[in-house]
């Protein structure tokens, strides 16, 4: 039997998104278990850097993202990056003193 569209594998390409580190965050919302970007706020650092809704965050500054946690009422979630045995918040995984953060994201191919 044929696969339904929802069962078909999704083809993705790895992209690098580099954005400034600001005290206002990155301007995105992320779905917890999948690390998929669900909201990119207009004119925020992520929007200006080219991050898109649907991007899946795989790494921040070369540290693999292992978990994303959001709590009701929080303005920002916590990204956990690093080895599963040494989990640390992504803000600590950022290169100290750096002006920018490098996100590695998987972006689905657009169907033409």
C-alpha atoms as a PDB file:
ATOM      1  CA  UNK A   1       0.000   0.000   0.000  1.00  0.00           C
ATOM      2  CA  UNK A   2       1.121   3.564  -0.664  1.00  0.00           C
ATOM      3  CA  UNK A   3       2.397   5.818   2.101  1.00  0.00           C
ATOM      4  CA  UNK A   4       0.205   8.734   3.140  1.00  0.00           C
ATOM      5  CA  UNK A   5       1.938  12.160   2.989  1.00  0.00           C
ATOM      6  CA  UNK A   6       2.197  12.257   6.800  1.00  0.00           C
ATOM      7  CA  UNK A   7       4.093   8.931   6.734  1.00  0.00           C
ATOM      8  CA  UNK A   8       6.619   9.937   4.112  1.00  0.00           C
ATOM      9  CA  UNK A   9      10.120  10.861   5.274  1.00  0.00           C
ATOM     10  CA  UNK A  10      10.875  14.586   5.230  1.00  0.00           C
ATOM     11  CA  UNK A  11      13.962  15.722   3.349  1.00  0.00           C
ATOM     12  CA  UNK A  12      15.939  18.387   5.197  1.00  0.00           C
ATOM     13  CA  UNK A  13      19.080  20.419   4.665  1.00  0.00           C
ATOM     14  CA  UNK A  14      21.443  21.570   7.437  1.00  0.00           C
ATOM     15  CA  UNK A  15      21.733  25.361   7.706  1.00  0.00           C
ATOM     16  CA  UNK A  16      23.767  27.637   9.942  1.00  0.00           C
ATOM     17  CA  UNK A  17      21.968  30.645  11.421  1.00  0.00           C
ATOM     18  CA  UNK A  18      24.237  33.184  13.135  1.00  0.00           C
ATOM     19  CA  UNK A  19      22.614  35.844  15.298  1.00  0.00           C
ATOM     20  CA  UNK A  20      23.725  38.388  17.882  1.00  0.00           C
ATOM     21  CA  UNK A  21      23.571  37.507  21.562  1.00  0.00           C
ATOM     22  CA  UNK A  22      21.356  40.119  23.212  1.00  0.00           C
ATOM     23  CA  UNK A  23      19.806  40.554  26.640  1.00  0.00           C
ATOM     24  CA  UNK A  24      16.406  40.280  24.914  1.00  0.00           C
ATOM     25  CA  UNK A  25      16.845  36.639  23.863  1.00  0.00           C
ATOM     26  CA  UNK A  26      16.743  35.259  20.333  1.00  0.00           C
ATOM     27  CA  UNK A  27      13.097  35.990  19.506  1.00  0.00           C
ATOM     28  CA  UNK A  28      11.853  32.449  18.909  1.00  0.00           C
ATOM     29  CA  UNK A  29       9.552  29.874  20.464  1.00  0.00           C
ATOM     30  CA  UNK A  30      10.422  26.191  20.221  1.00  0.00           C
ATOM     31  CA  UNK A  31       8.344  23.013  20.542  1.00  0.00           C
ATOM     32  CA  UNK A  32       9.854  20.998  23.378  1.00  0.00           C
ATOM     33  CA  UNK A  33      10.305  17.390  22.255  1.00  0.00           C
ATOM     34  CA  UNK A  34      11.195  18.095  18.619  1.00  0.00           C
ATOM     35  CA  UNK A  35      13.298  21.287  18.983  1.00  0.00           C
ATOM     36  CA  UNK A  36      11.207  22.670  16.097  1.00  0.00           C
ATOM     37  CA  UNK A  37      10.842  26.467  15.868  1.00  0.00           C
ATOM     38  CA  UNK A  38       7.130  27.330  16.097  1.00  0.00           C
ATOM     39  CA  UNK A  39       7.344  31.148  16.257  1.00  0.00           C
ATOM     40  CA  UNK A  40       9.906  33.637  14.930  1.00  0.00           C
ATOM     41  CA  UNK A  41       9.153  37.133  16.219  1.00  0.00           C
ATOM     42  CA  UNK A  42       9.298  39.867  13.548  1.00  0.00           C
ATOM     43  CA  UNK A  43      12.372  42.087  13.766  1.00  0.00           C
ATOM     44  CA  UNK A  44      13.939  39.872  16.473  1.00  0.00           C
ATOM     45  CA  UNK A  45      17.512  38.551  16.189  1.00  0.00           C
ATOM     46  CA  UNK A  46      16.365  35.171  14.793  1.00  0.00           C
ATOM     47  CA  UNK A  47      14.119  36.805  12.164  1.00  0.00           C
ATOM     48  CA  UNK A  48      16.904  39.136  11.035  1.00  0.00           C
ATOM     49  CA  UNK A  49      19.327  36.179  10.845  1.00  0.00           C
ATOM     50  CA  UNK A  50      16.973  34.149   8.647  1.00  0.00           C
ATOM     51  CA  UNK A  51      15.633  31.532  11.057  1.00  0.00           C
ATOM     52  CA  UNK A  52      12.298  30.138   9.882  1.00  0.00           C
ATOM     53  CA  UNK A  53       9.255  28.500  11.445  1.00  0.00           C
ATOM     54  CA  UNK A  54       9.783  24.757  10.996  1.00  0.00           C
ATOM     55  CA  UNK A  55      13.564  24.864  11.510  1.00  0.00           C
ATOM     56  CA  UNK A  56      14.706  22.150  13.913  1.00  0.00           C
ATOM     57  CA  UNK A  57      17.509  23.310  16.243  1.00  0.00           C
ATOM     58  CA  UNK A  58      20.240  20.669  16.306  1.00  0.00           C
ATOM     59  CA  UNK A  59      23.169  22.540  17.888  1.00  0.00           C
ATOM     60  CA  UNK A  60      24.117  25.873  19.437  1.00  0.00           C
ATOM     61  CA  UNK A  61      27.764  26.927  19.106  1.00  0.00           C
ATOM     62  CA  UNK A  62      28.736  23.329  18.209  1.00  0.00           C
ATOM     63  CA  UNK A  63      26.994  21.885  21.306  1.00  0.00           C
ATOM     64  CA  UNK A  64      24.290  19.369  20.377  1.00  0.00           C
ATOM     65  CA  UNK A  65      20.853  20.334  21.722  1.00  0.00           C
ATOM     66  CA  UNK A  66      19.572  17.444  23.805  1.00  0.00           C
ATOM     67  CA  UNK A  67      16.399  18.942  25.300  1.00  0.00           C
ATOM     68  CA  UNK A  68      14.177  22.021  25.265  1.00  0.00           C
ATOM     69  CA  UNK A  69      11.985  22.862  28.245  1.00  0.00           C
ATOM     70  CA  UNK A  70       9.210  25.435  28.484  1.00  0.00           C
ATOM     71  CA  UNK A  71       7.210  26.279  31.592  1.00  0.00           C
ATOM     72  CA  UNK A  72       3.875  28.114  31.588  1.00  0.00           C
ATOM     73  CA  UNK A  73       4.415  31.787  32.315  1.00  0.00           C
ATOM     74  CA  UNK A  74       8.055  31.814  31.268  1.00  0.00           C
ATOM     75  CA  UNK A  75       8.962  34.308  28.602  1.00  0.00           C
ATOM     76  CA  UNK A  76      11.779  32.080  27.413  1.00  0.00           C
ATOM     77  CA  UNK A  77      12.500  28.392  27.526  1.00  0.00           C
ATOM     78  CA  UNK A  78      15.727  26.701  28.432  1.00  0.00           C
ATOM     79  CA  UNK A  79      17.692  24.937  25.726  1.00  0.00           C
ATOM     80  CA  UNK A  80      19.896  22.162  27.045  1.00  0.00           C
ATOM     81  CA  UNK A  81      23.030  21.501  25.053  1.00  0.00           C
ATOM     82  CA  UNK A  82      25.903  19.111  25.506  1.00  0.00           C
ATOM     83  CA  UNK A  83      26.380  15.452  26.295  1.00  0.00           C
ATOM     84  CA  UNK A  84      23.352  13.833  27.937  1.00  0.00           C
ATOM     85  CA  UNK A  85      25.569  13.054  30.934  1.00  0.00           C
ATOM     86  CA  UNK A  86      26.621  16.703  31.307  1.00  0.00           C
ATOM     87  CA  UNK A  87      23.554  18.734  30.461  1.00  0.00           C
ATOM     88  CA  UNK A  88      23.864  22.502  30.763  1.00  0.00           C
ATOM     89  CA  UNK A  89      21.631  25.399  29.755  1.00  0.00           C
ATOM     90  CA  UNK A  90      22.493  26.602  26.269  1.00  0.00           C
ATOM     91  CA  UNK A  91      23.334  30.064  27.595  1.00  0.00           C
ATOM     92  CA  UNK A  92      26.249  28.414  29.419  1.00  0.00           C
ATOM     93  CA  UNK A  93      27.155  26.491  26.258  1.00  0.00           C
ATOM     94  CA  UNK A  94      27.576  29.733  24.323  1.00  0.00           C
ATOM     95  CA  UNK A  95      31.147  30.779  23.697  1.00  0.00           C
ATOM     96  CA  UNK A  96      32.075  33.124  26.587  1.00  0.00           C
ATOM     97  CA  UNK A  97      32.404  36.735  25.478  1.00  0.00           C
ATOM     98  CA  UNK A  98      31.105  36.023  21.980  1.00  0.00           C
ATOM     99  CA  UNK A  99      28.967  38.625  20.246  1.00  0.00           C
ATOM    100  CA  UNK A 100      27.068  36.049  18.166  1.00  0.00           C
ATOM    101  CA  UNK A 101      25.622  32.553  18.547  1.00  0.00           C
ATOM    102  CA  UNK A 102      25.714  29.949  15.794  1.00  0.00           C
ATOM    103  CA  UNK A 103      22.639  27.720  15.496  1.00  0.00           C
ATOM    104  CA  UNK A 104      22.739  24.579  13.351  1.00  0.00           C
ATOM    105  CA  UNK A 105      19.208  23.889  12.126  1.00  0.00           C
ATOM    106  CA  UNK A 106      17.580  21.287   9.921  1.00  0.00           C
ATOM    107  CA  UNK A 107      15.279  22.971   7.434  1.00  0.00           C
ATOM    108  CA  UNK A 108      12.782  20.957   5.374  1.00  0.00           C
ATOM    109  CA  UNK A 109      13.151  21.211   1.606  1.00  0.00           C
ATOM    110  CA  UNK A 110      10.398  23.275   0.068  1.00  0.00           C
ATOM    111  CA  UNK A 111       8.207  21.367  -2.354  1.00  0.00           C
ATOM    112  CA  UNK A 112       8.001  22.975  -5.763  1.00  0.00           C
END
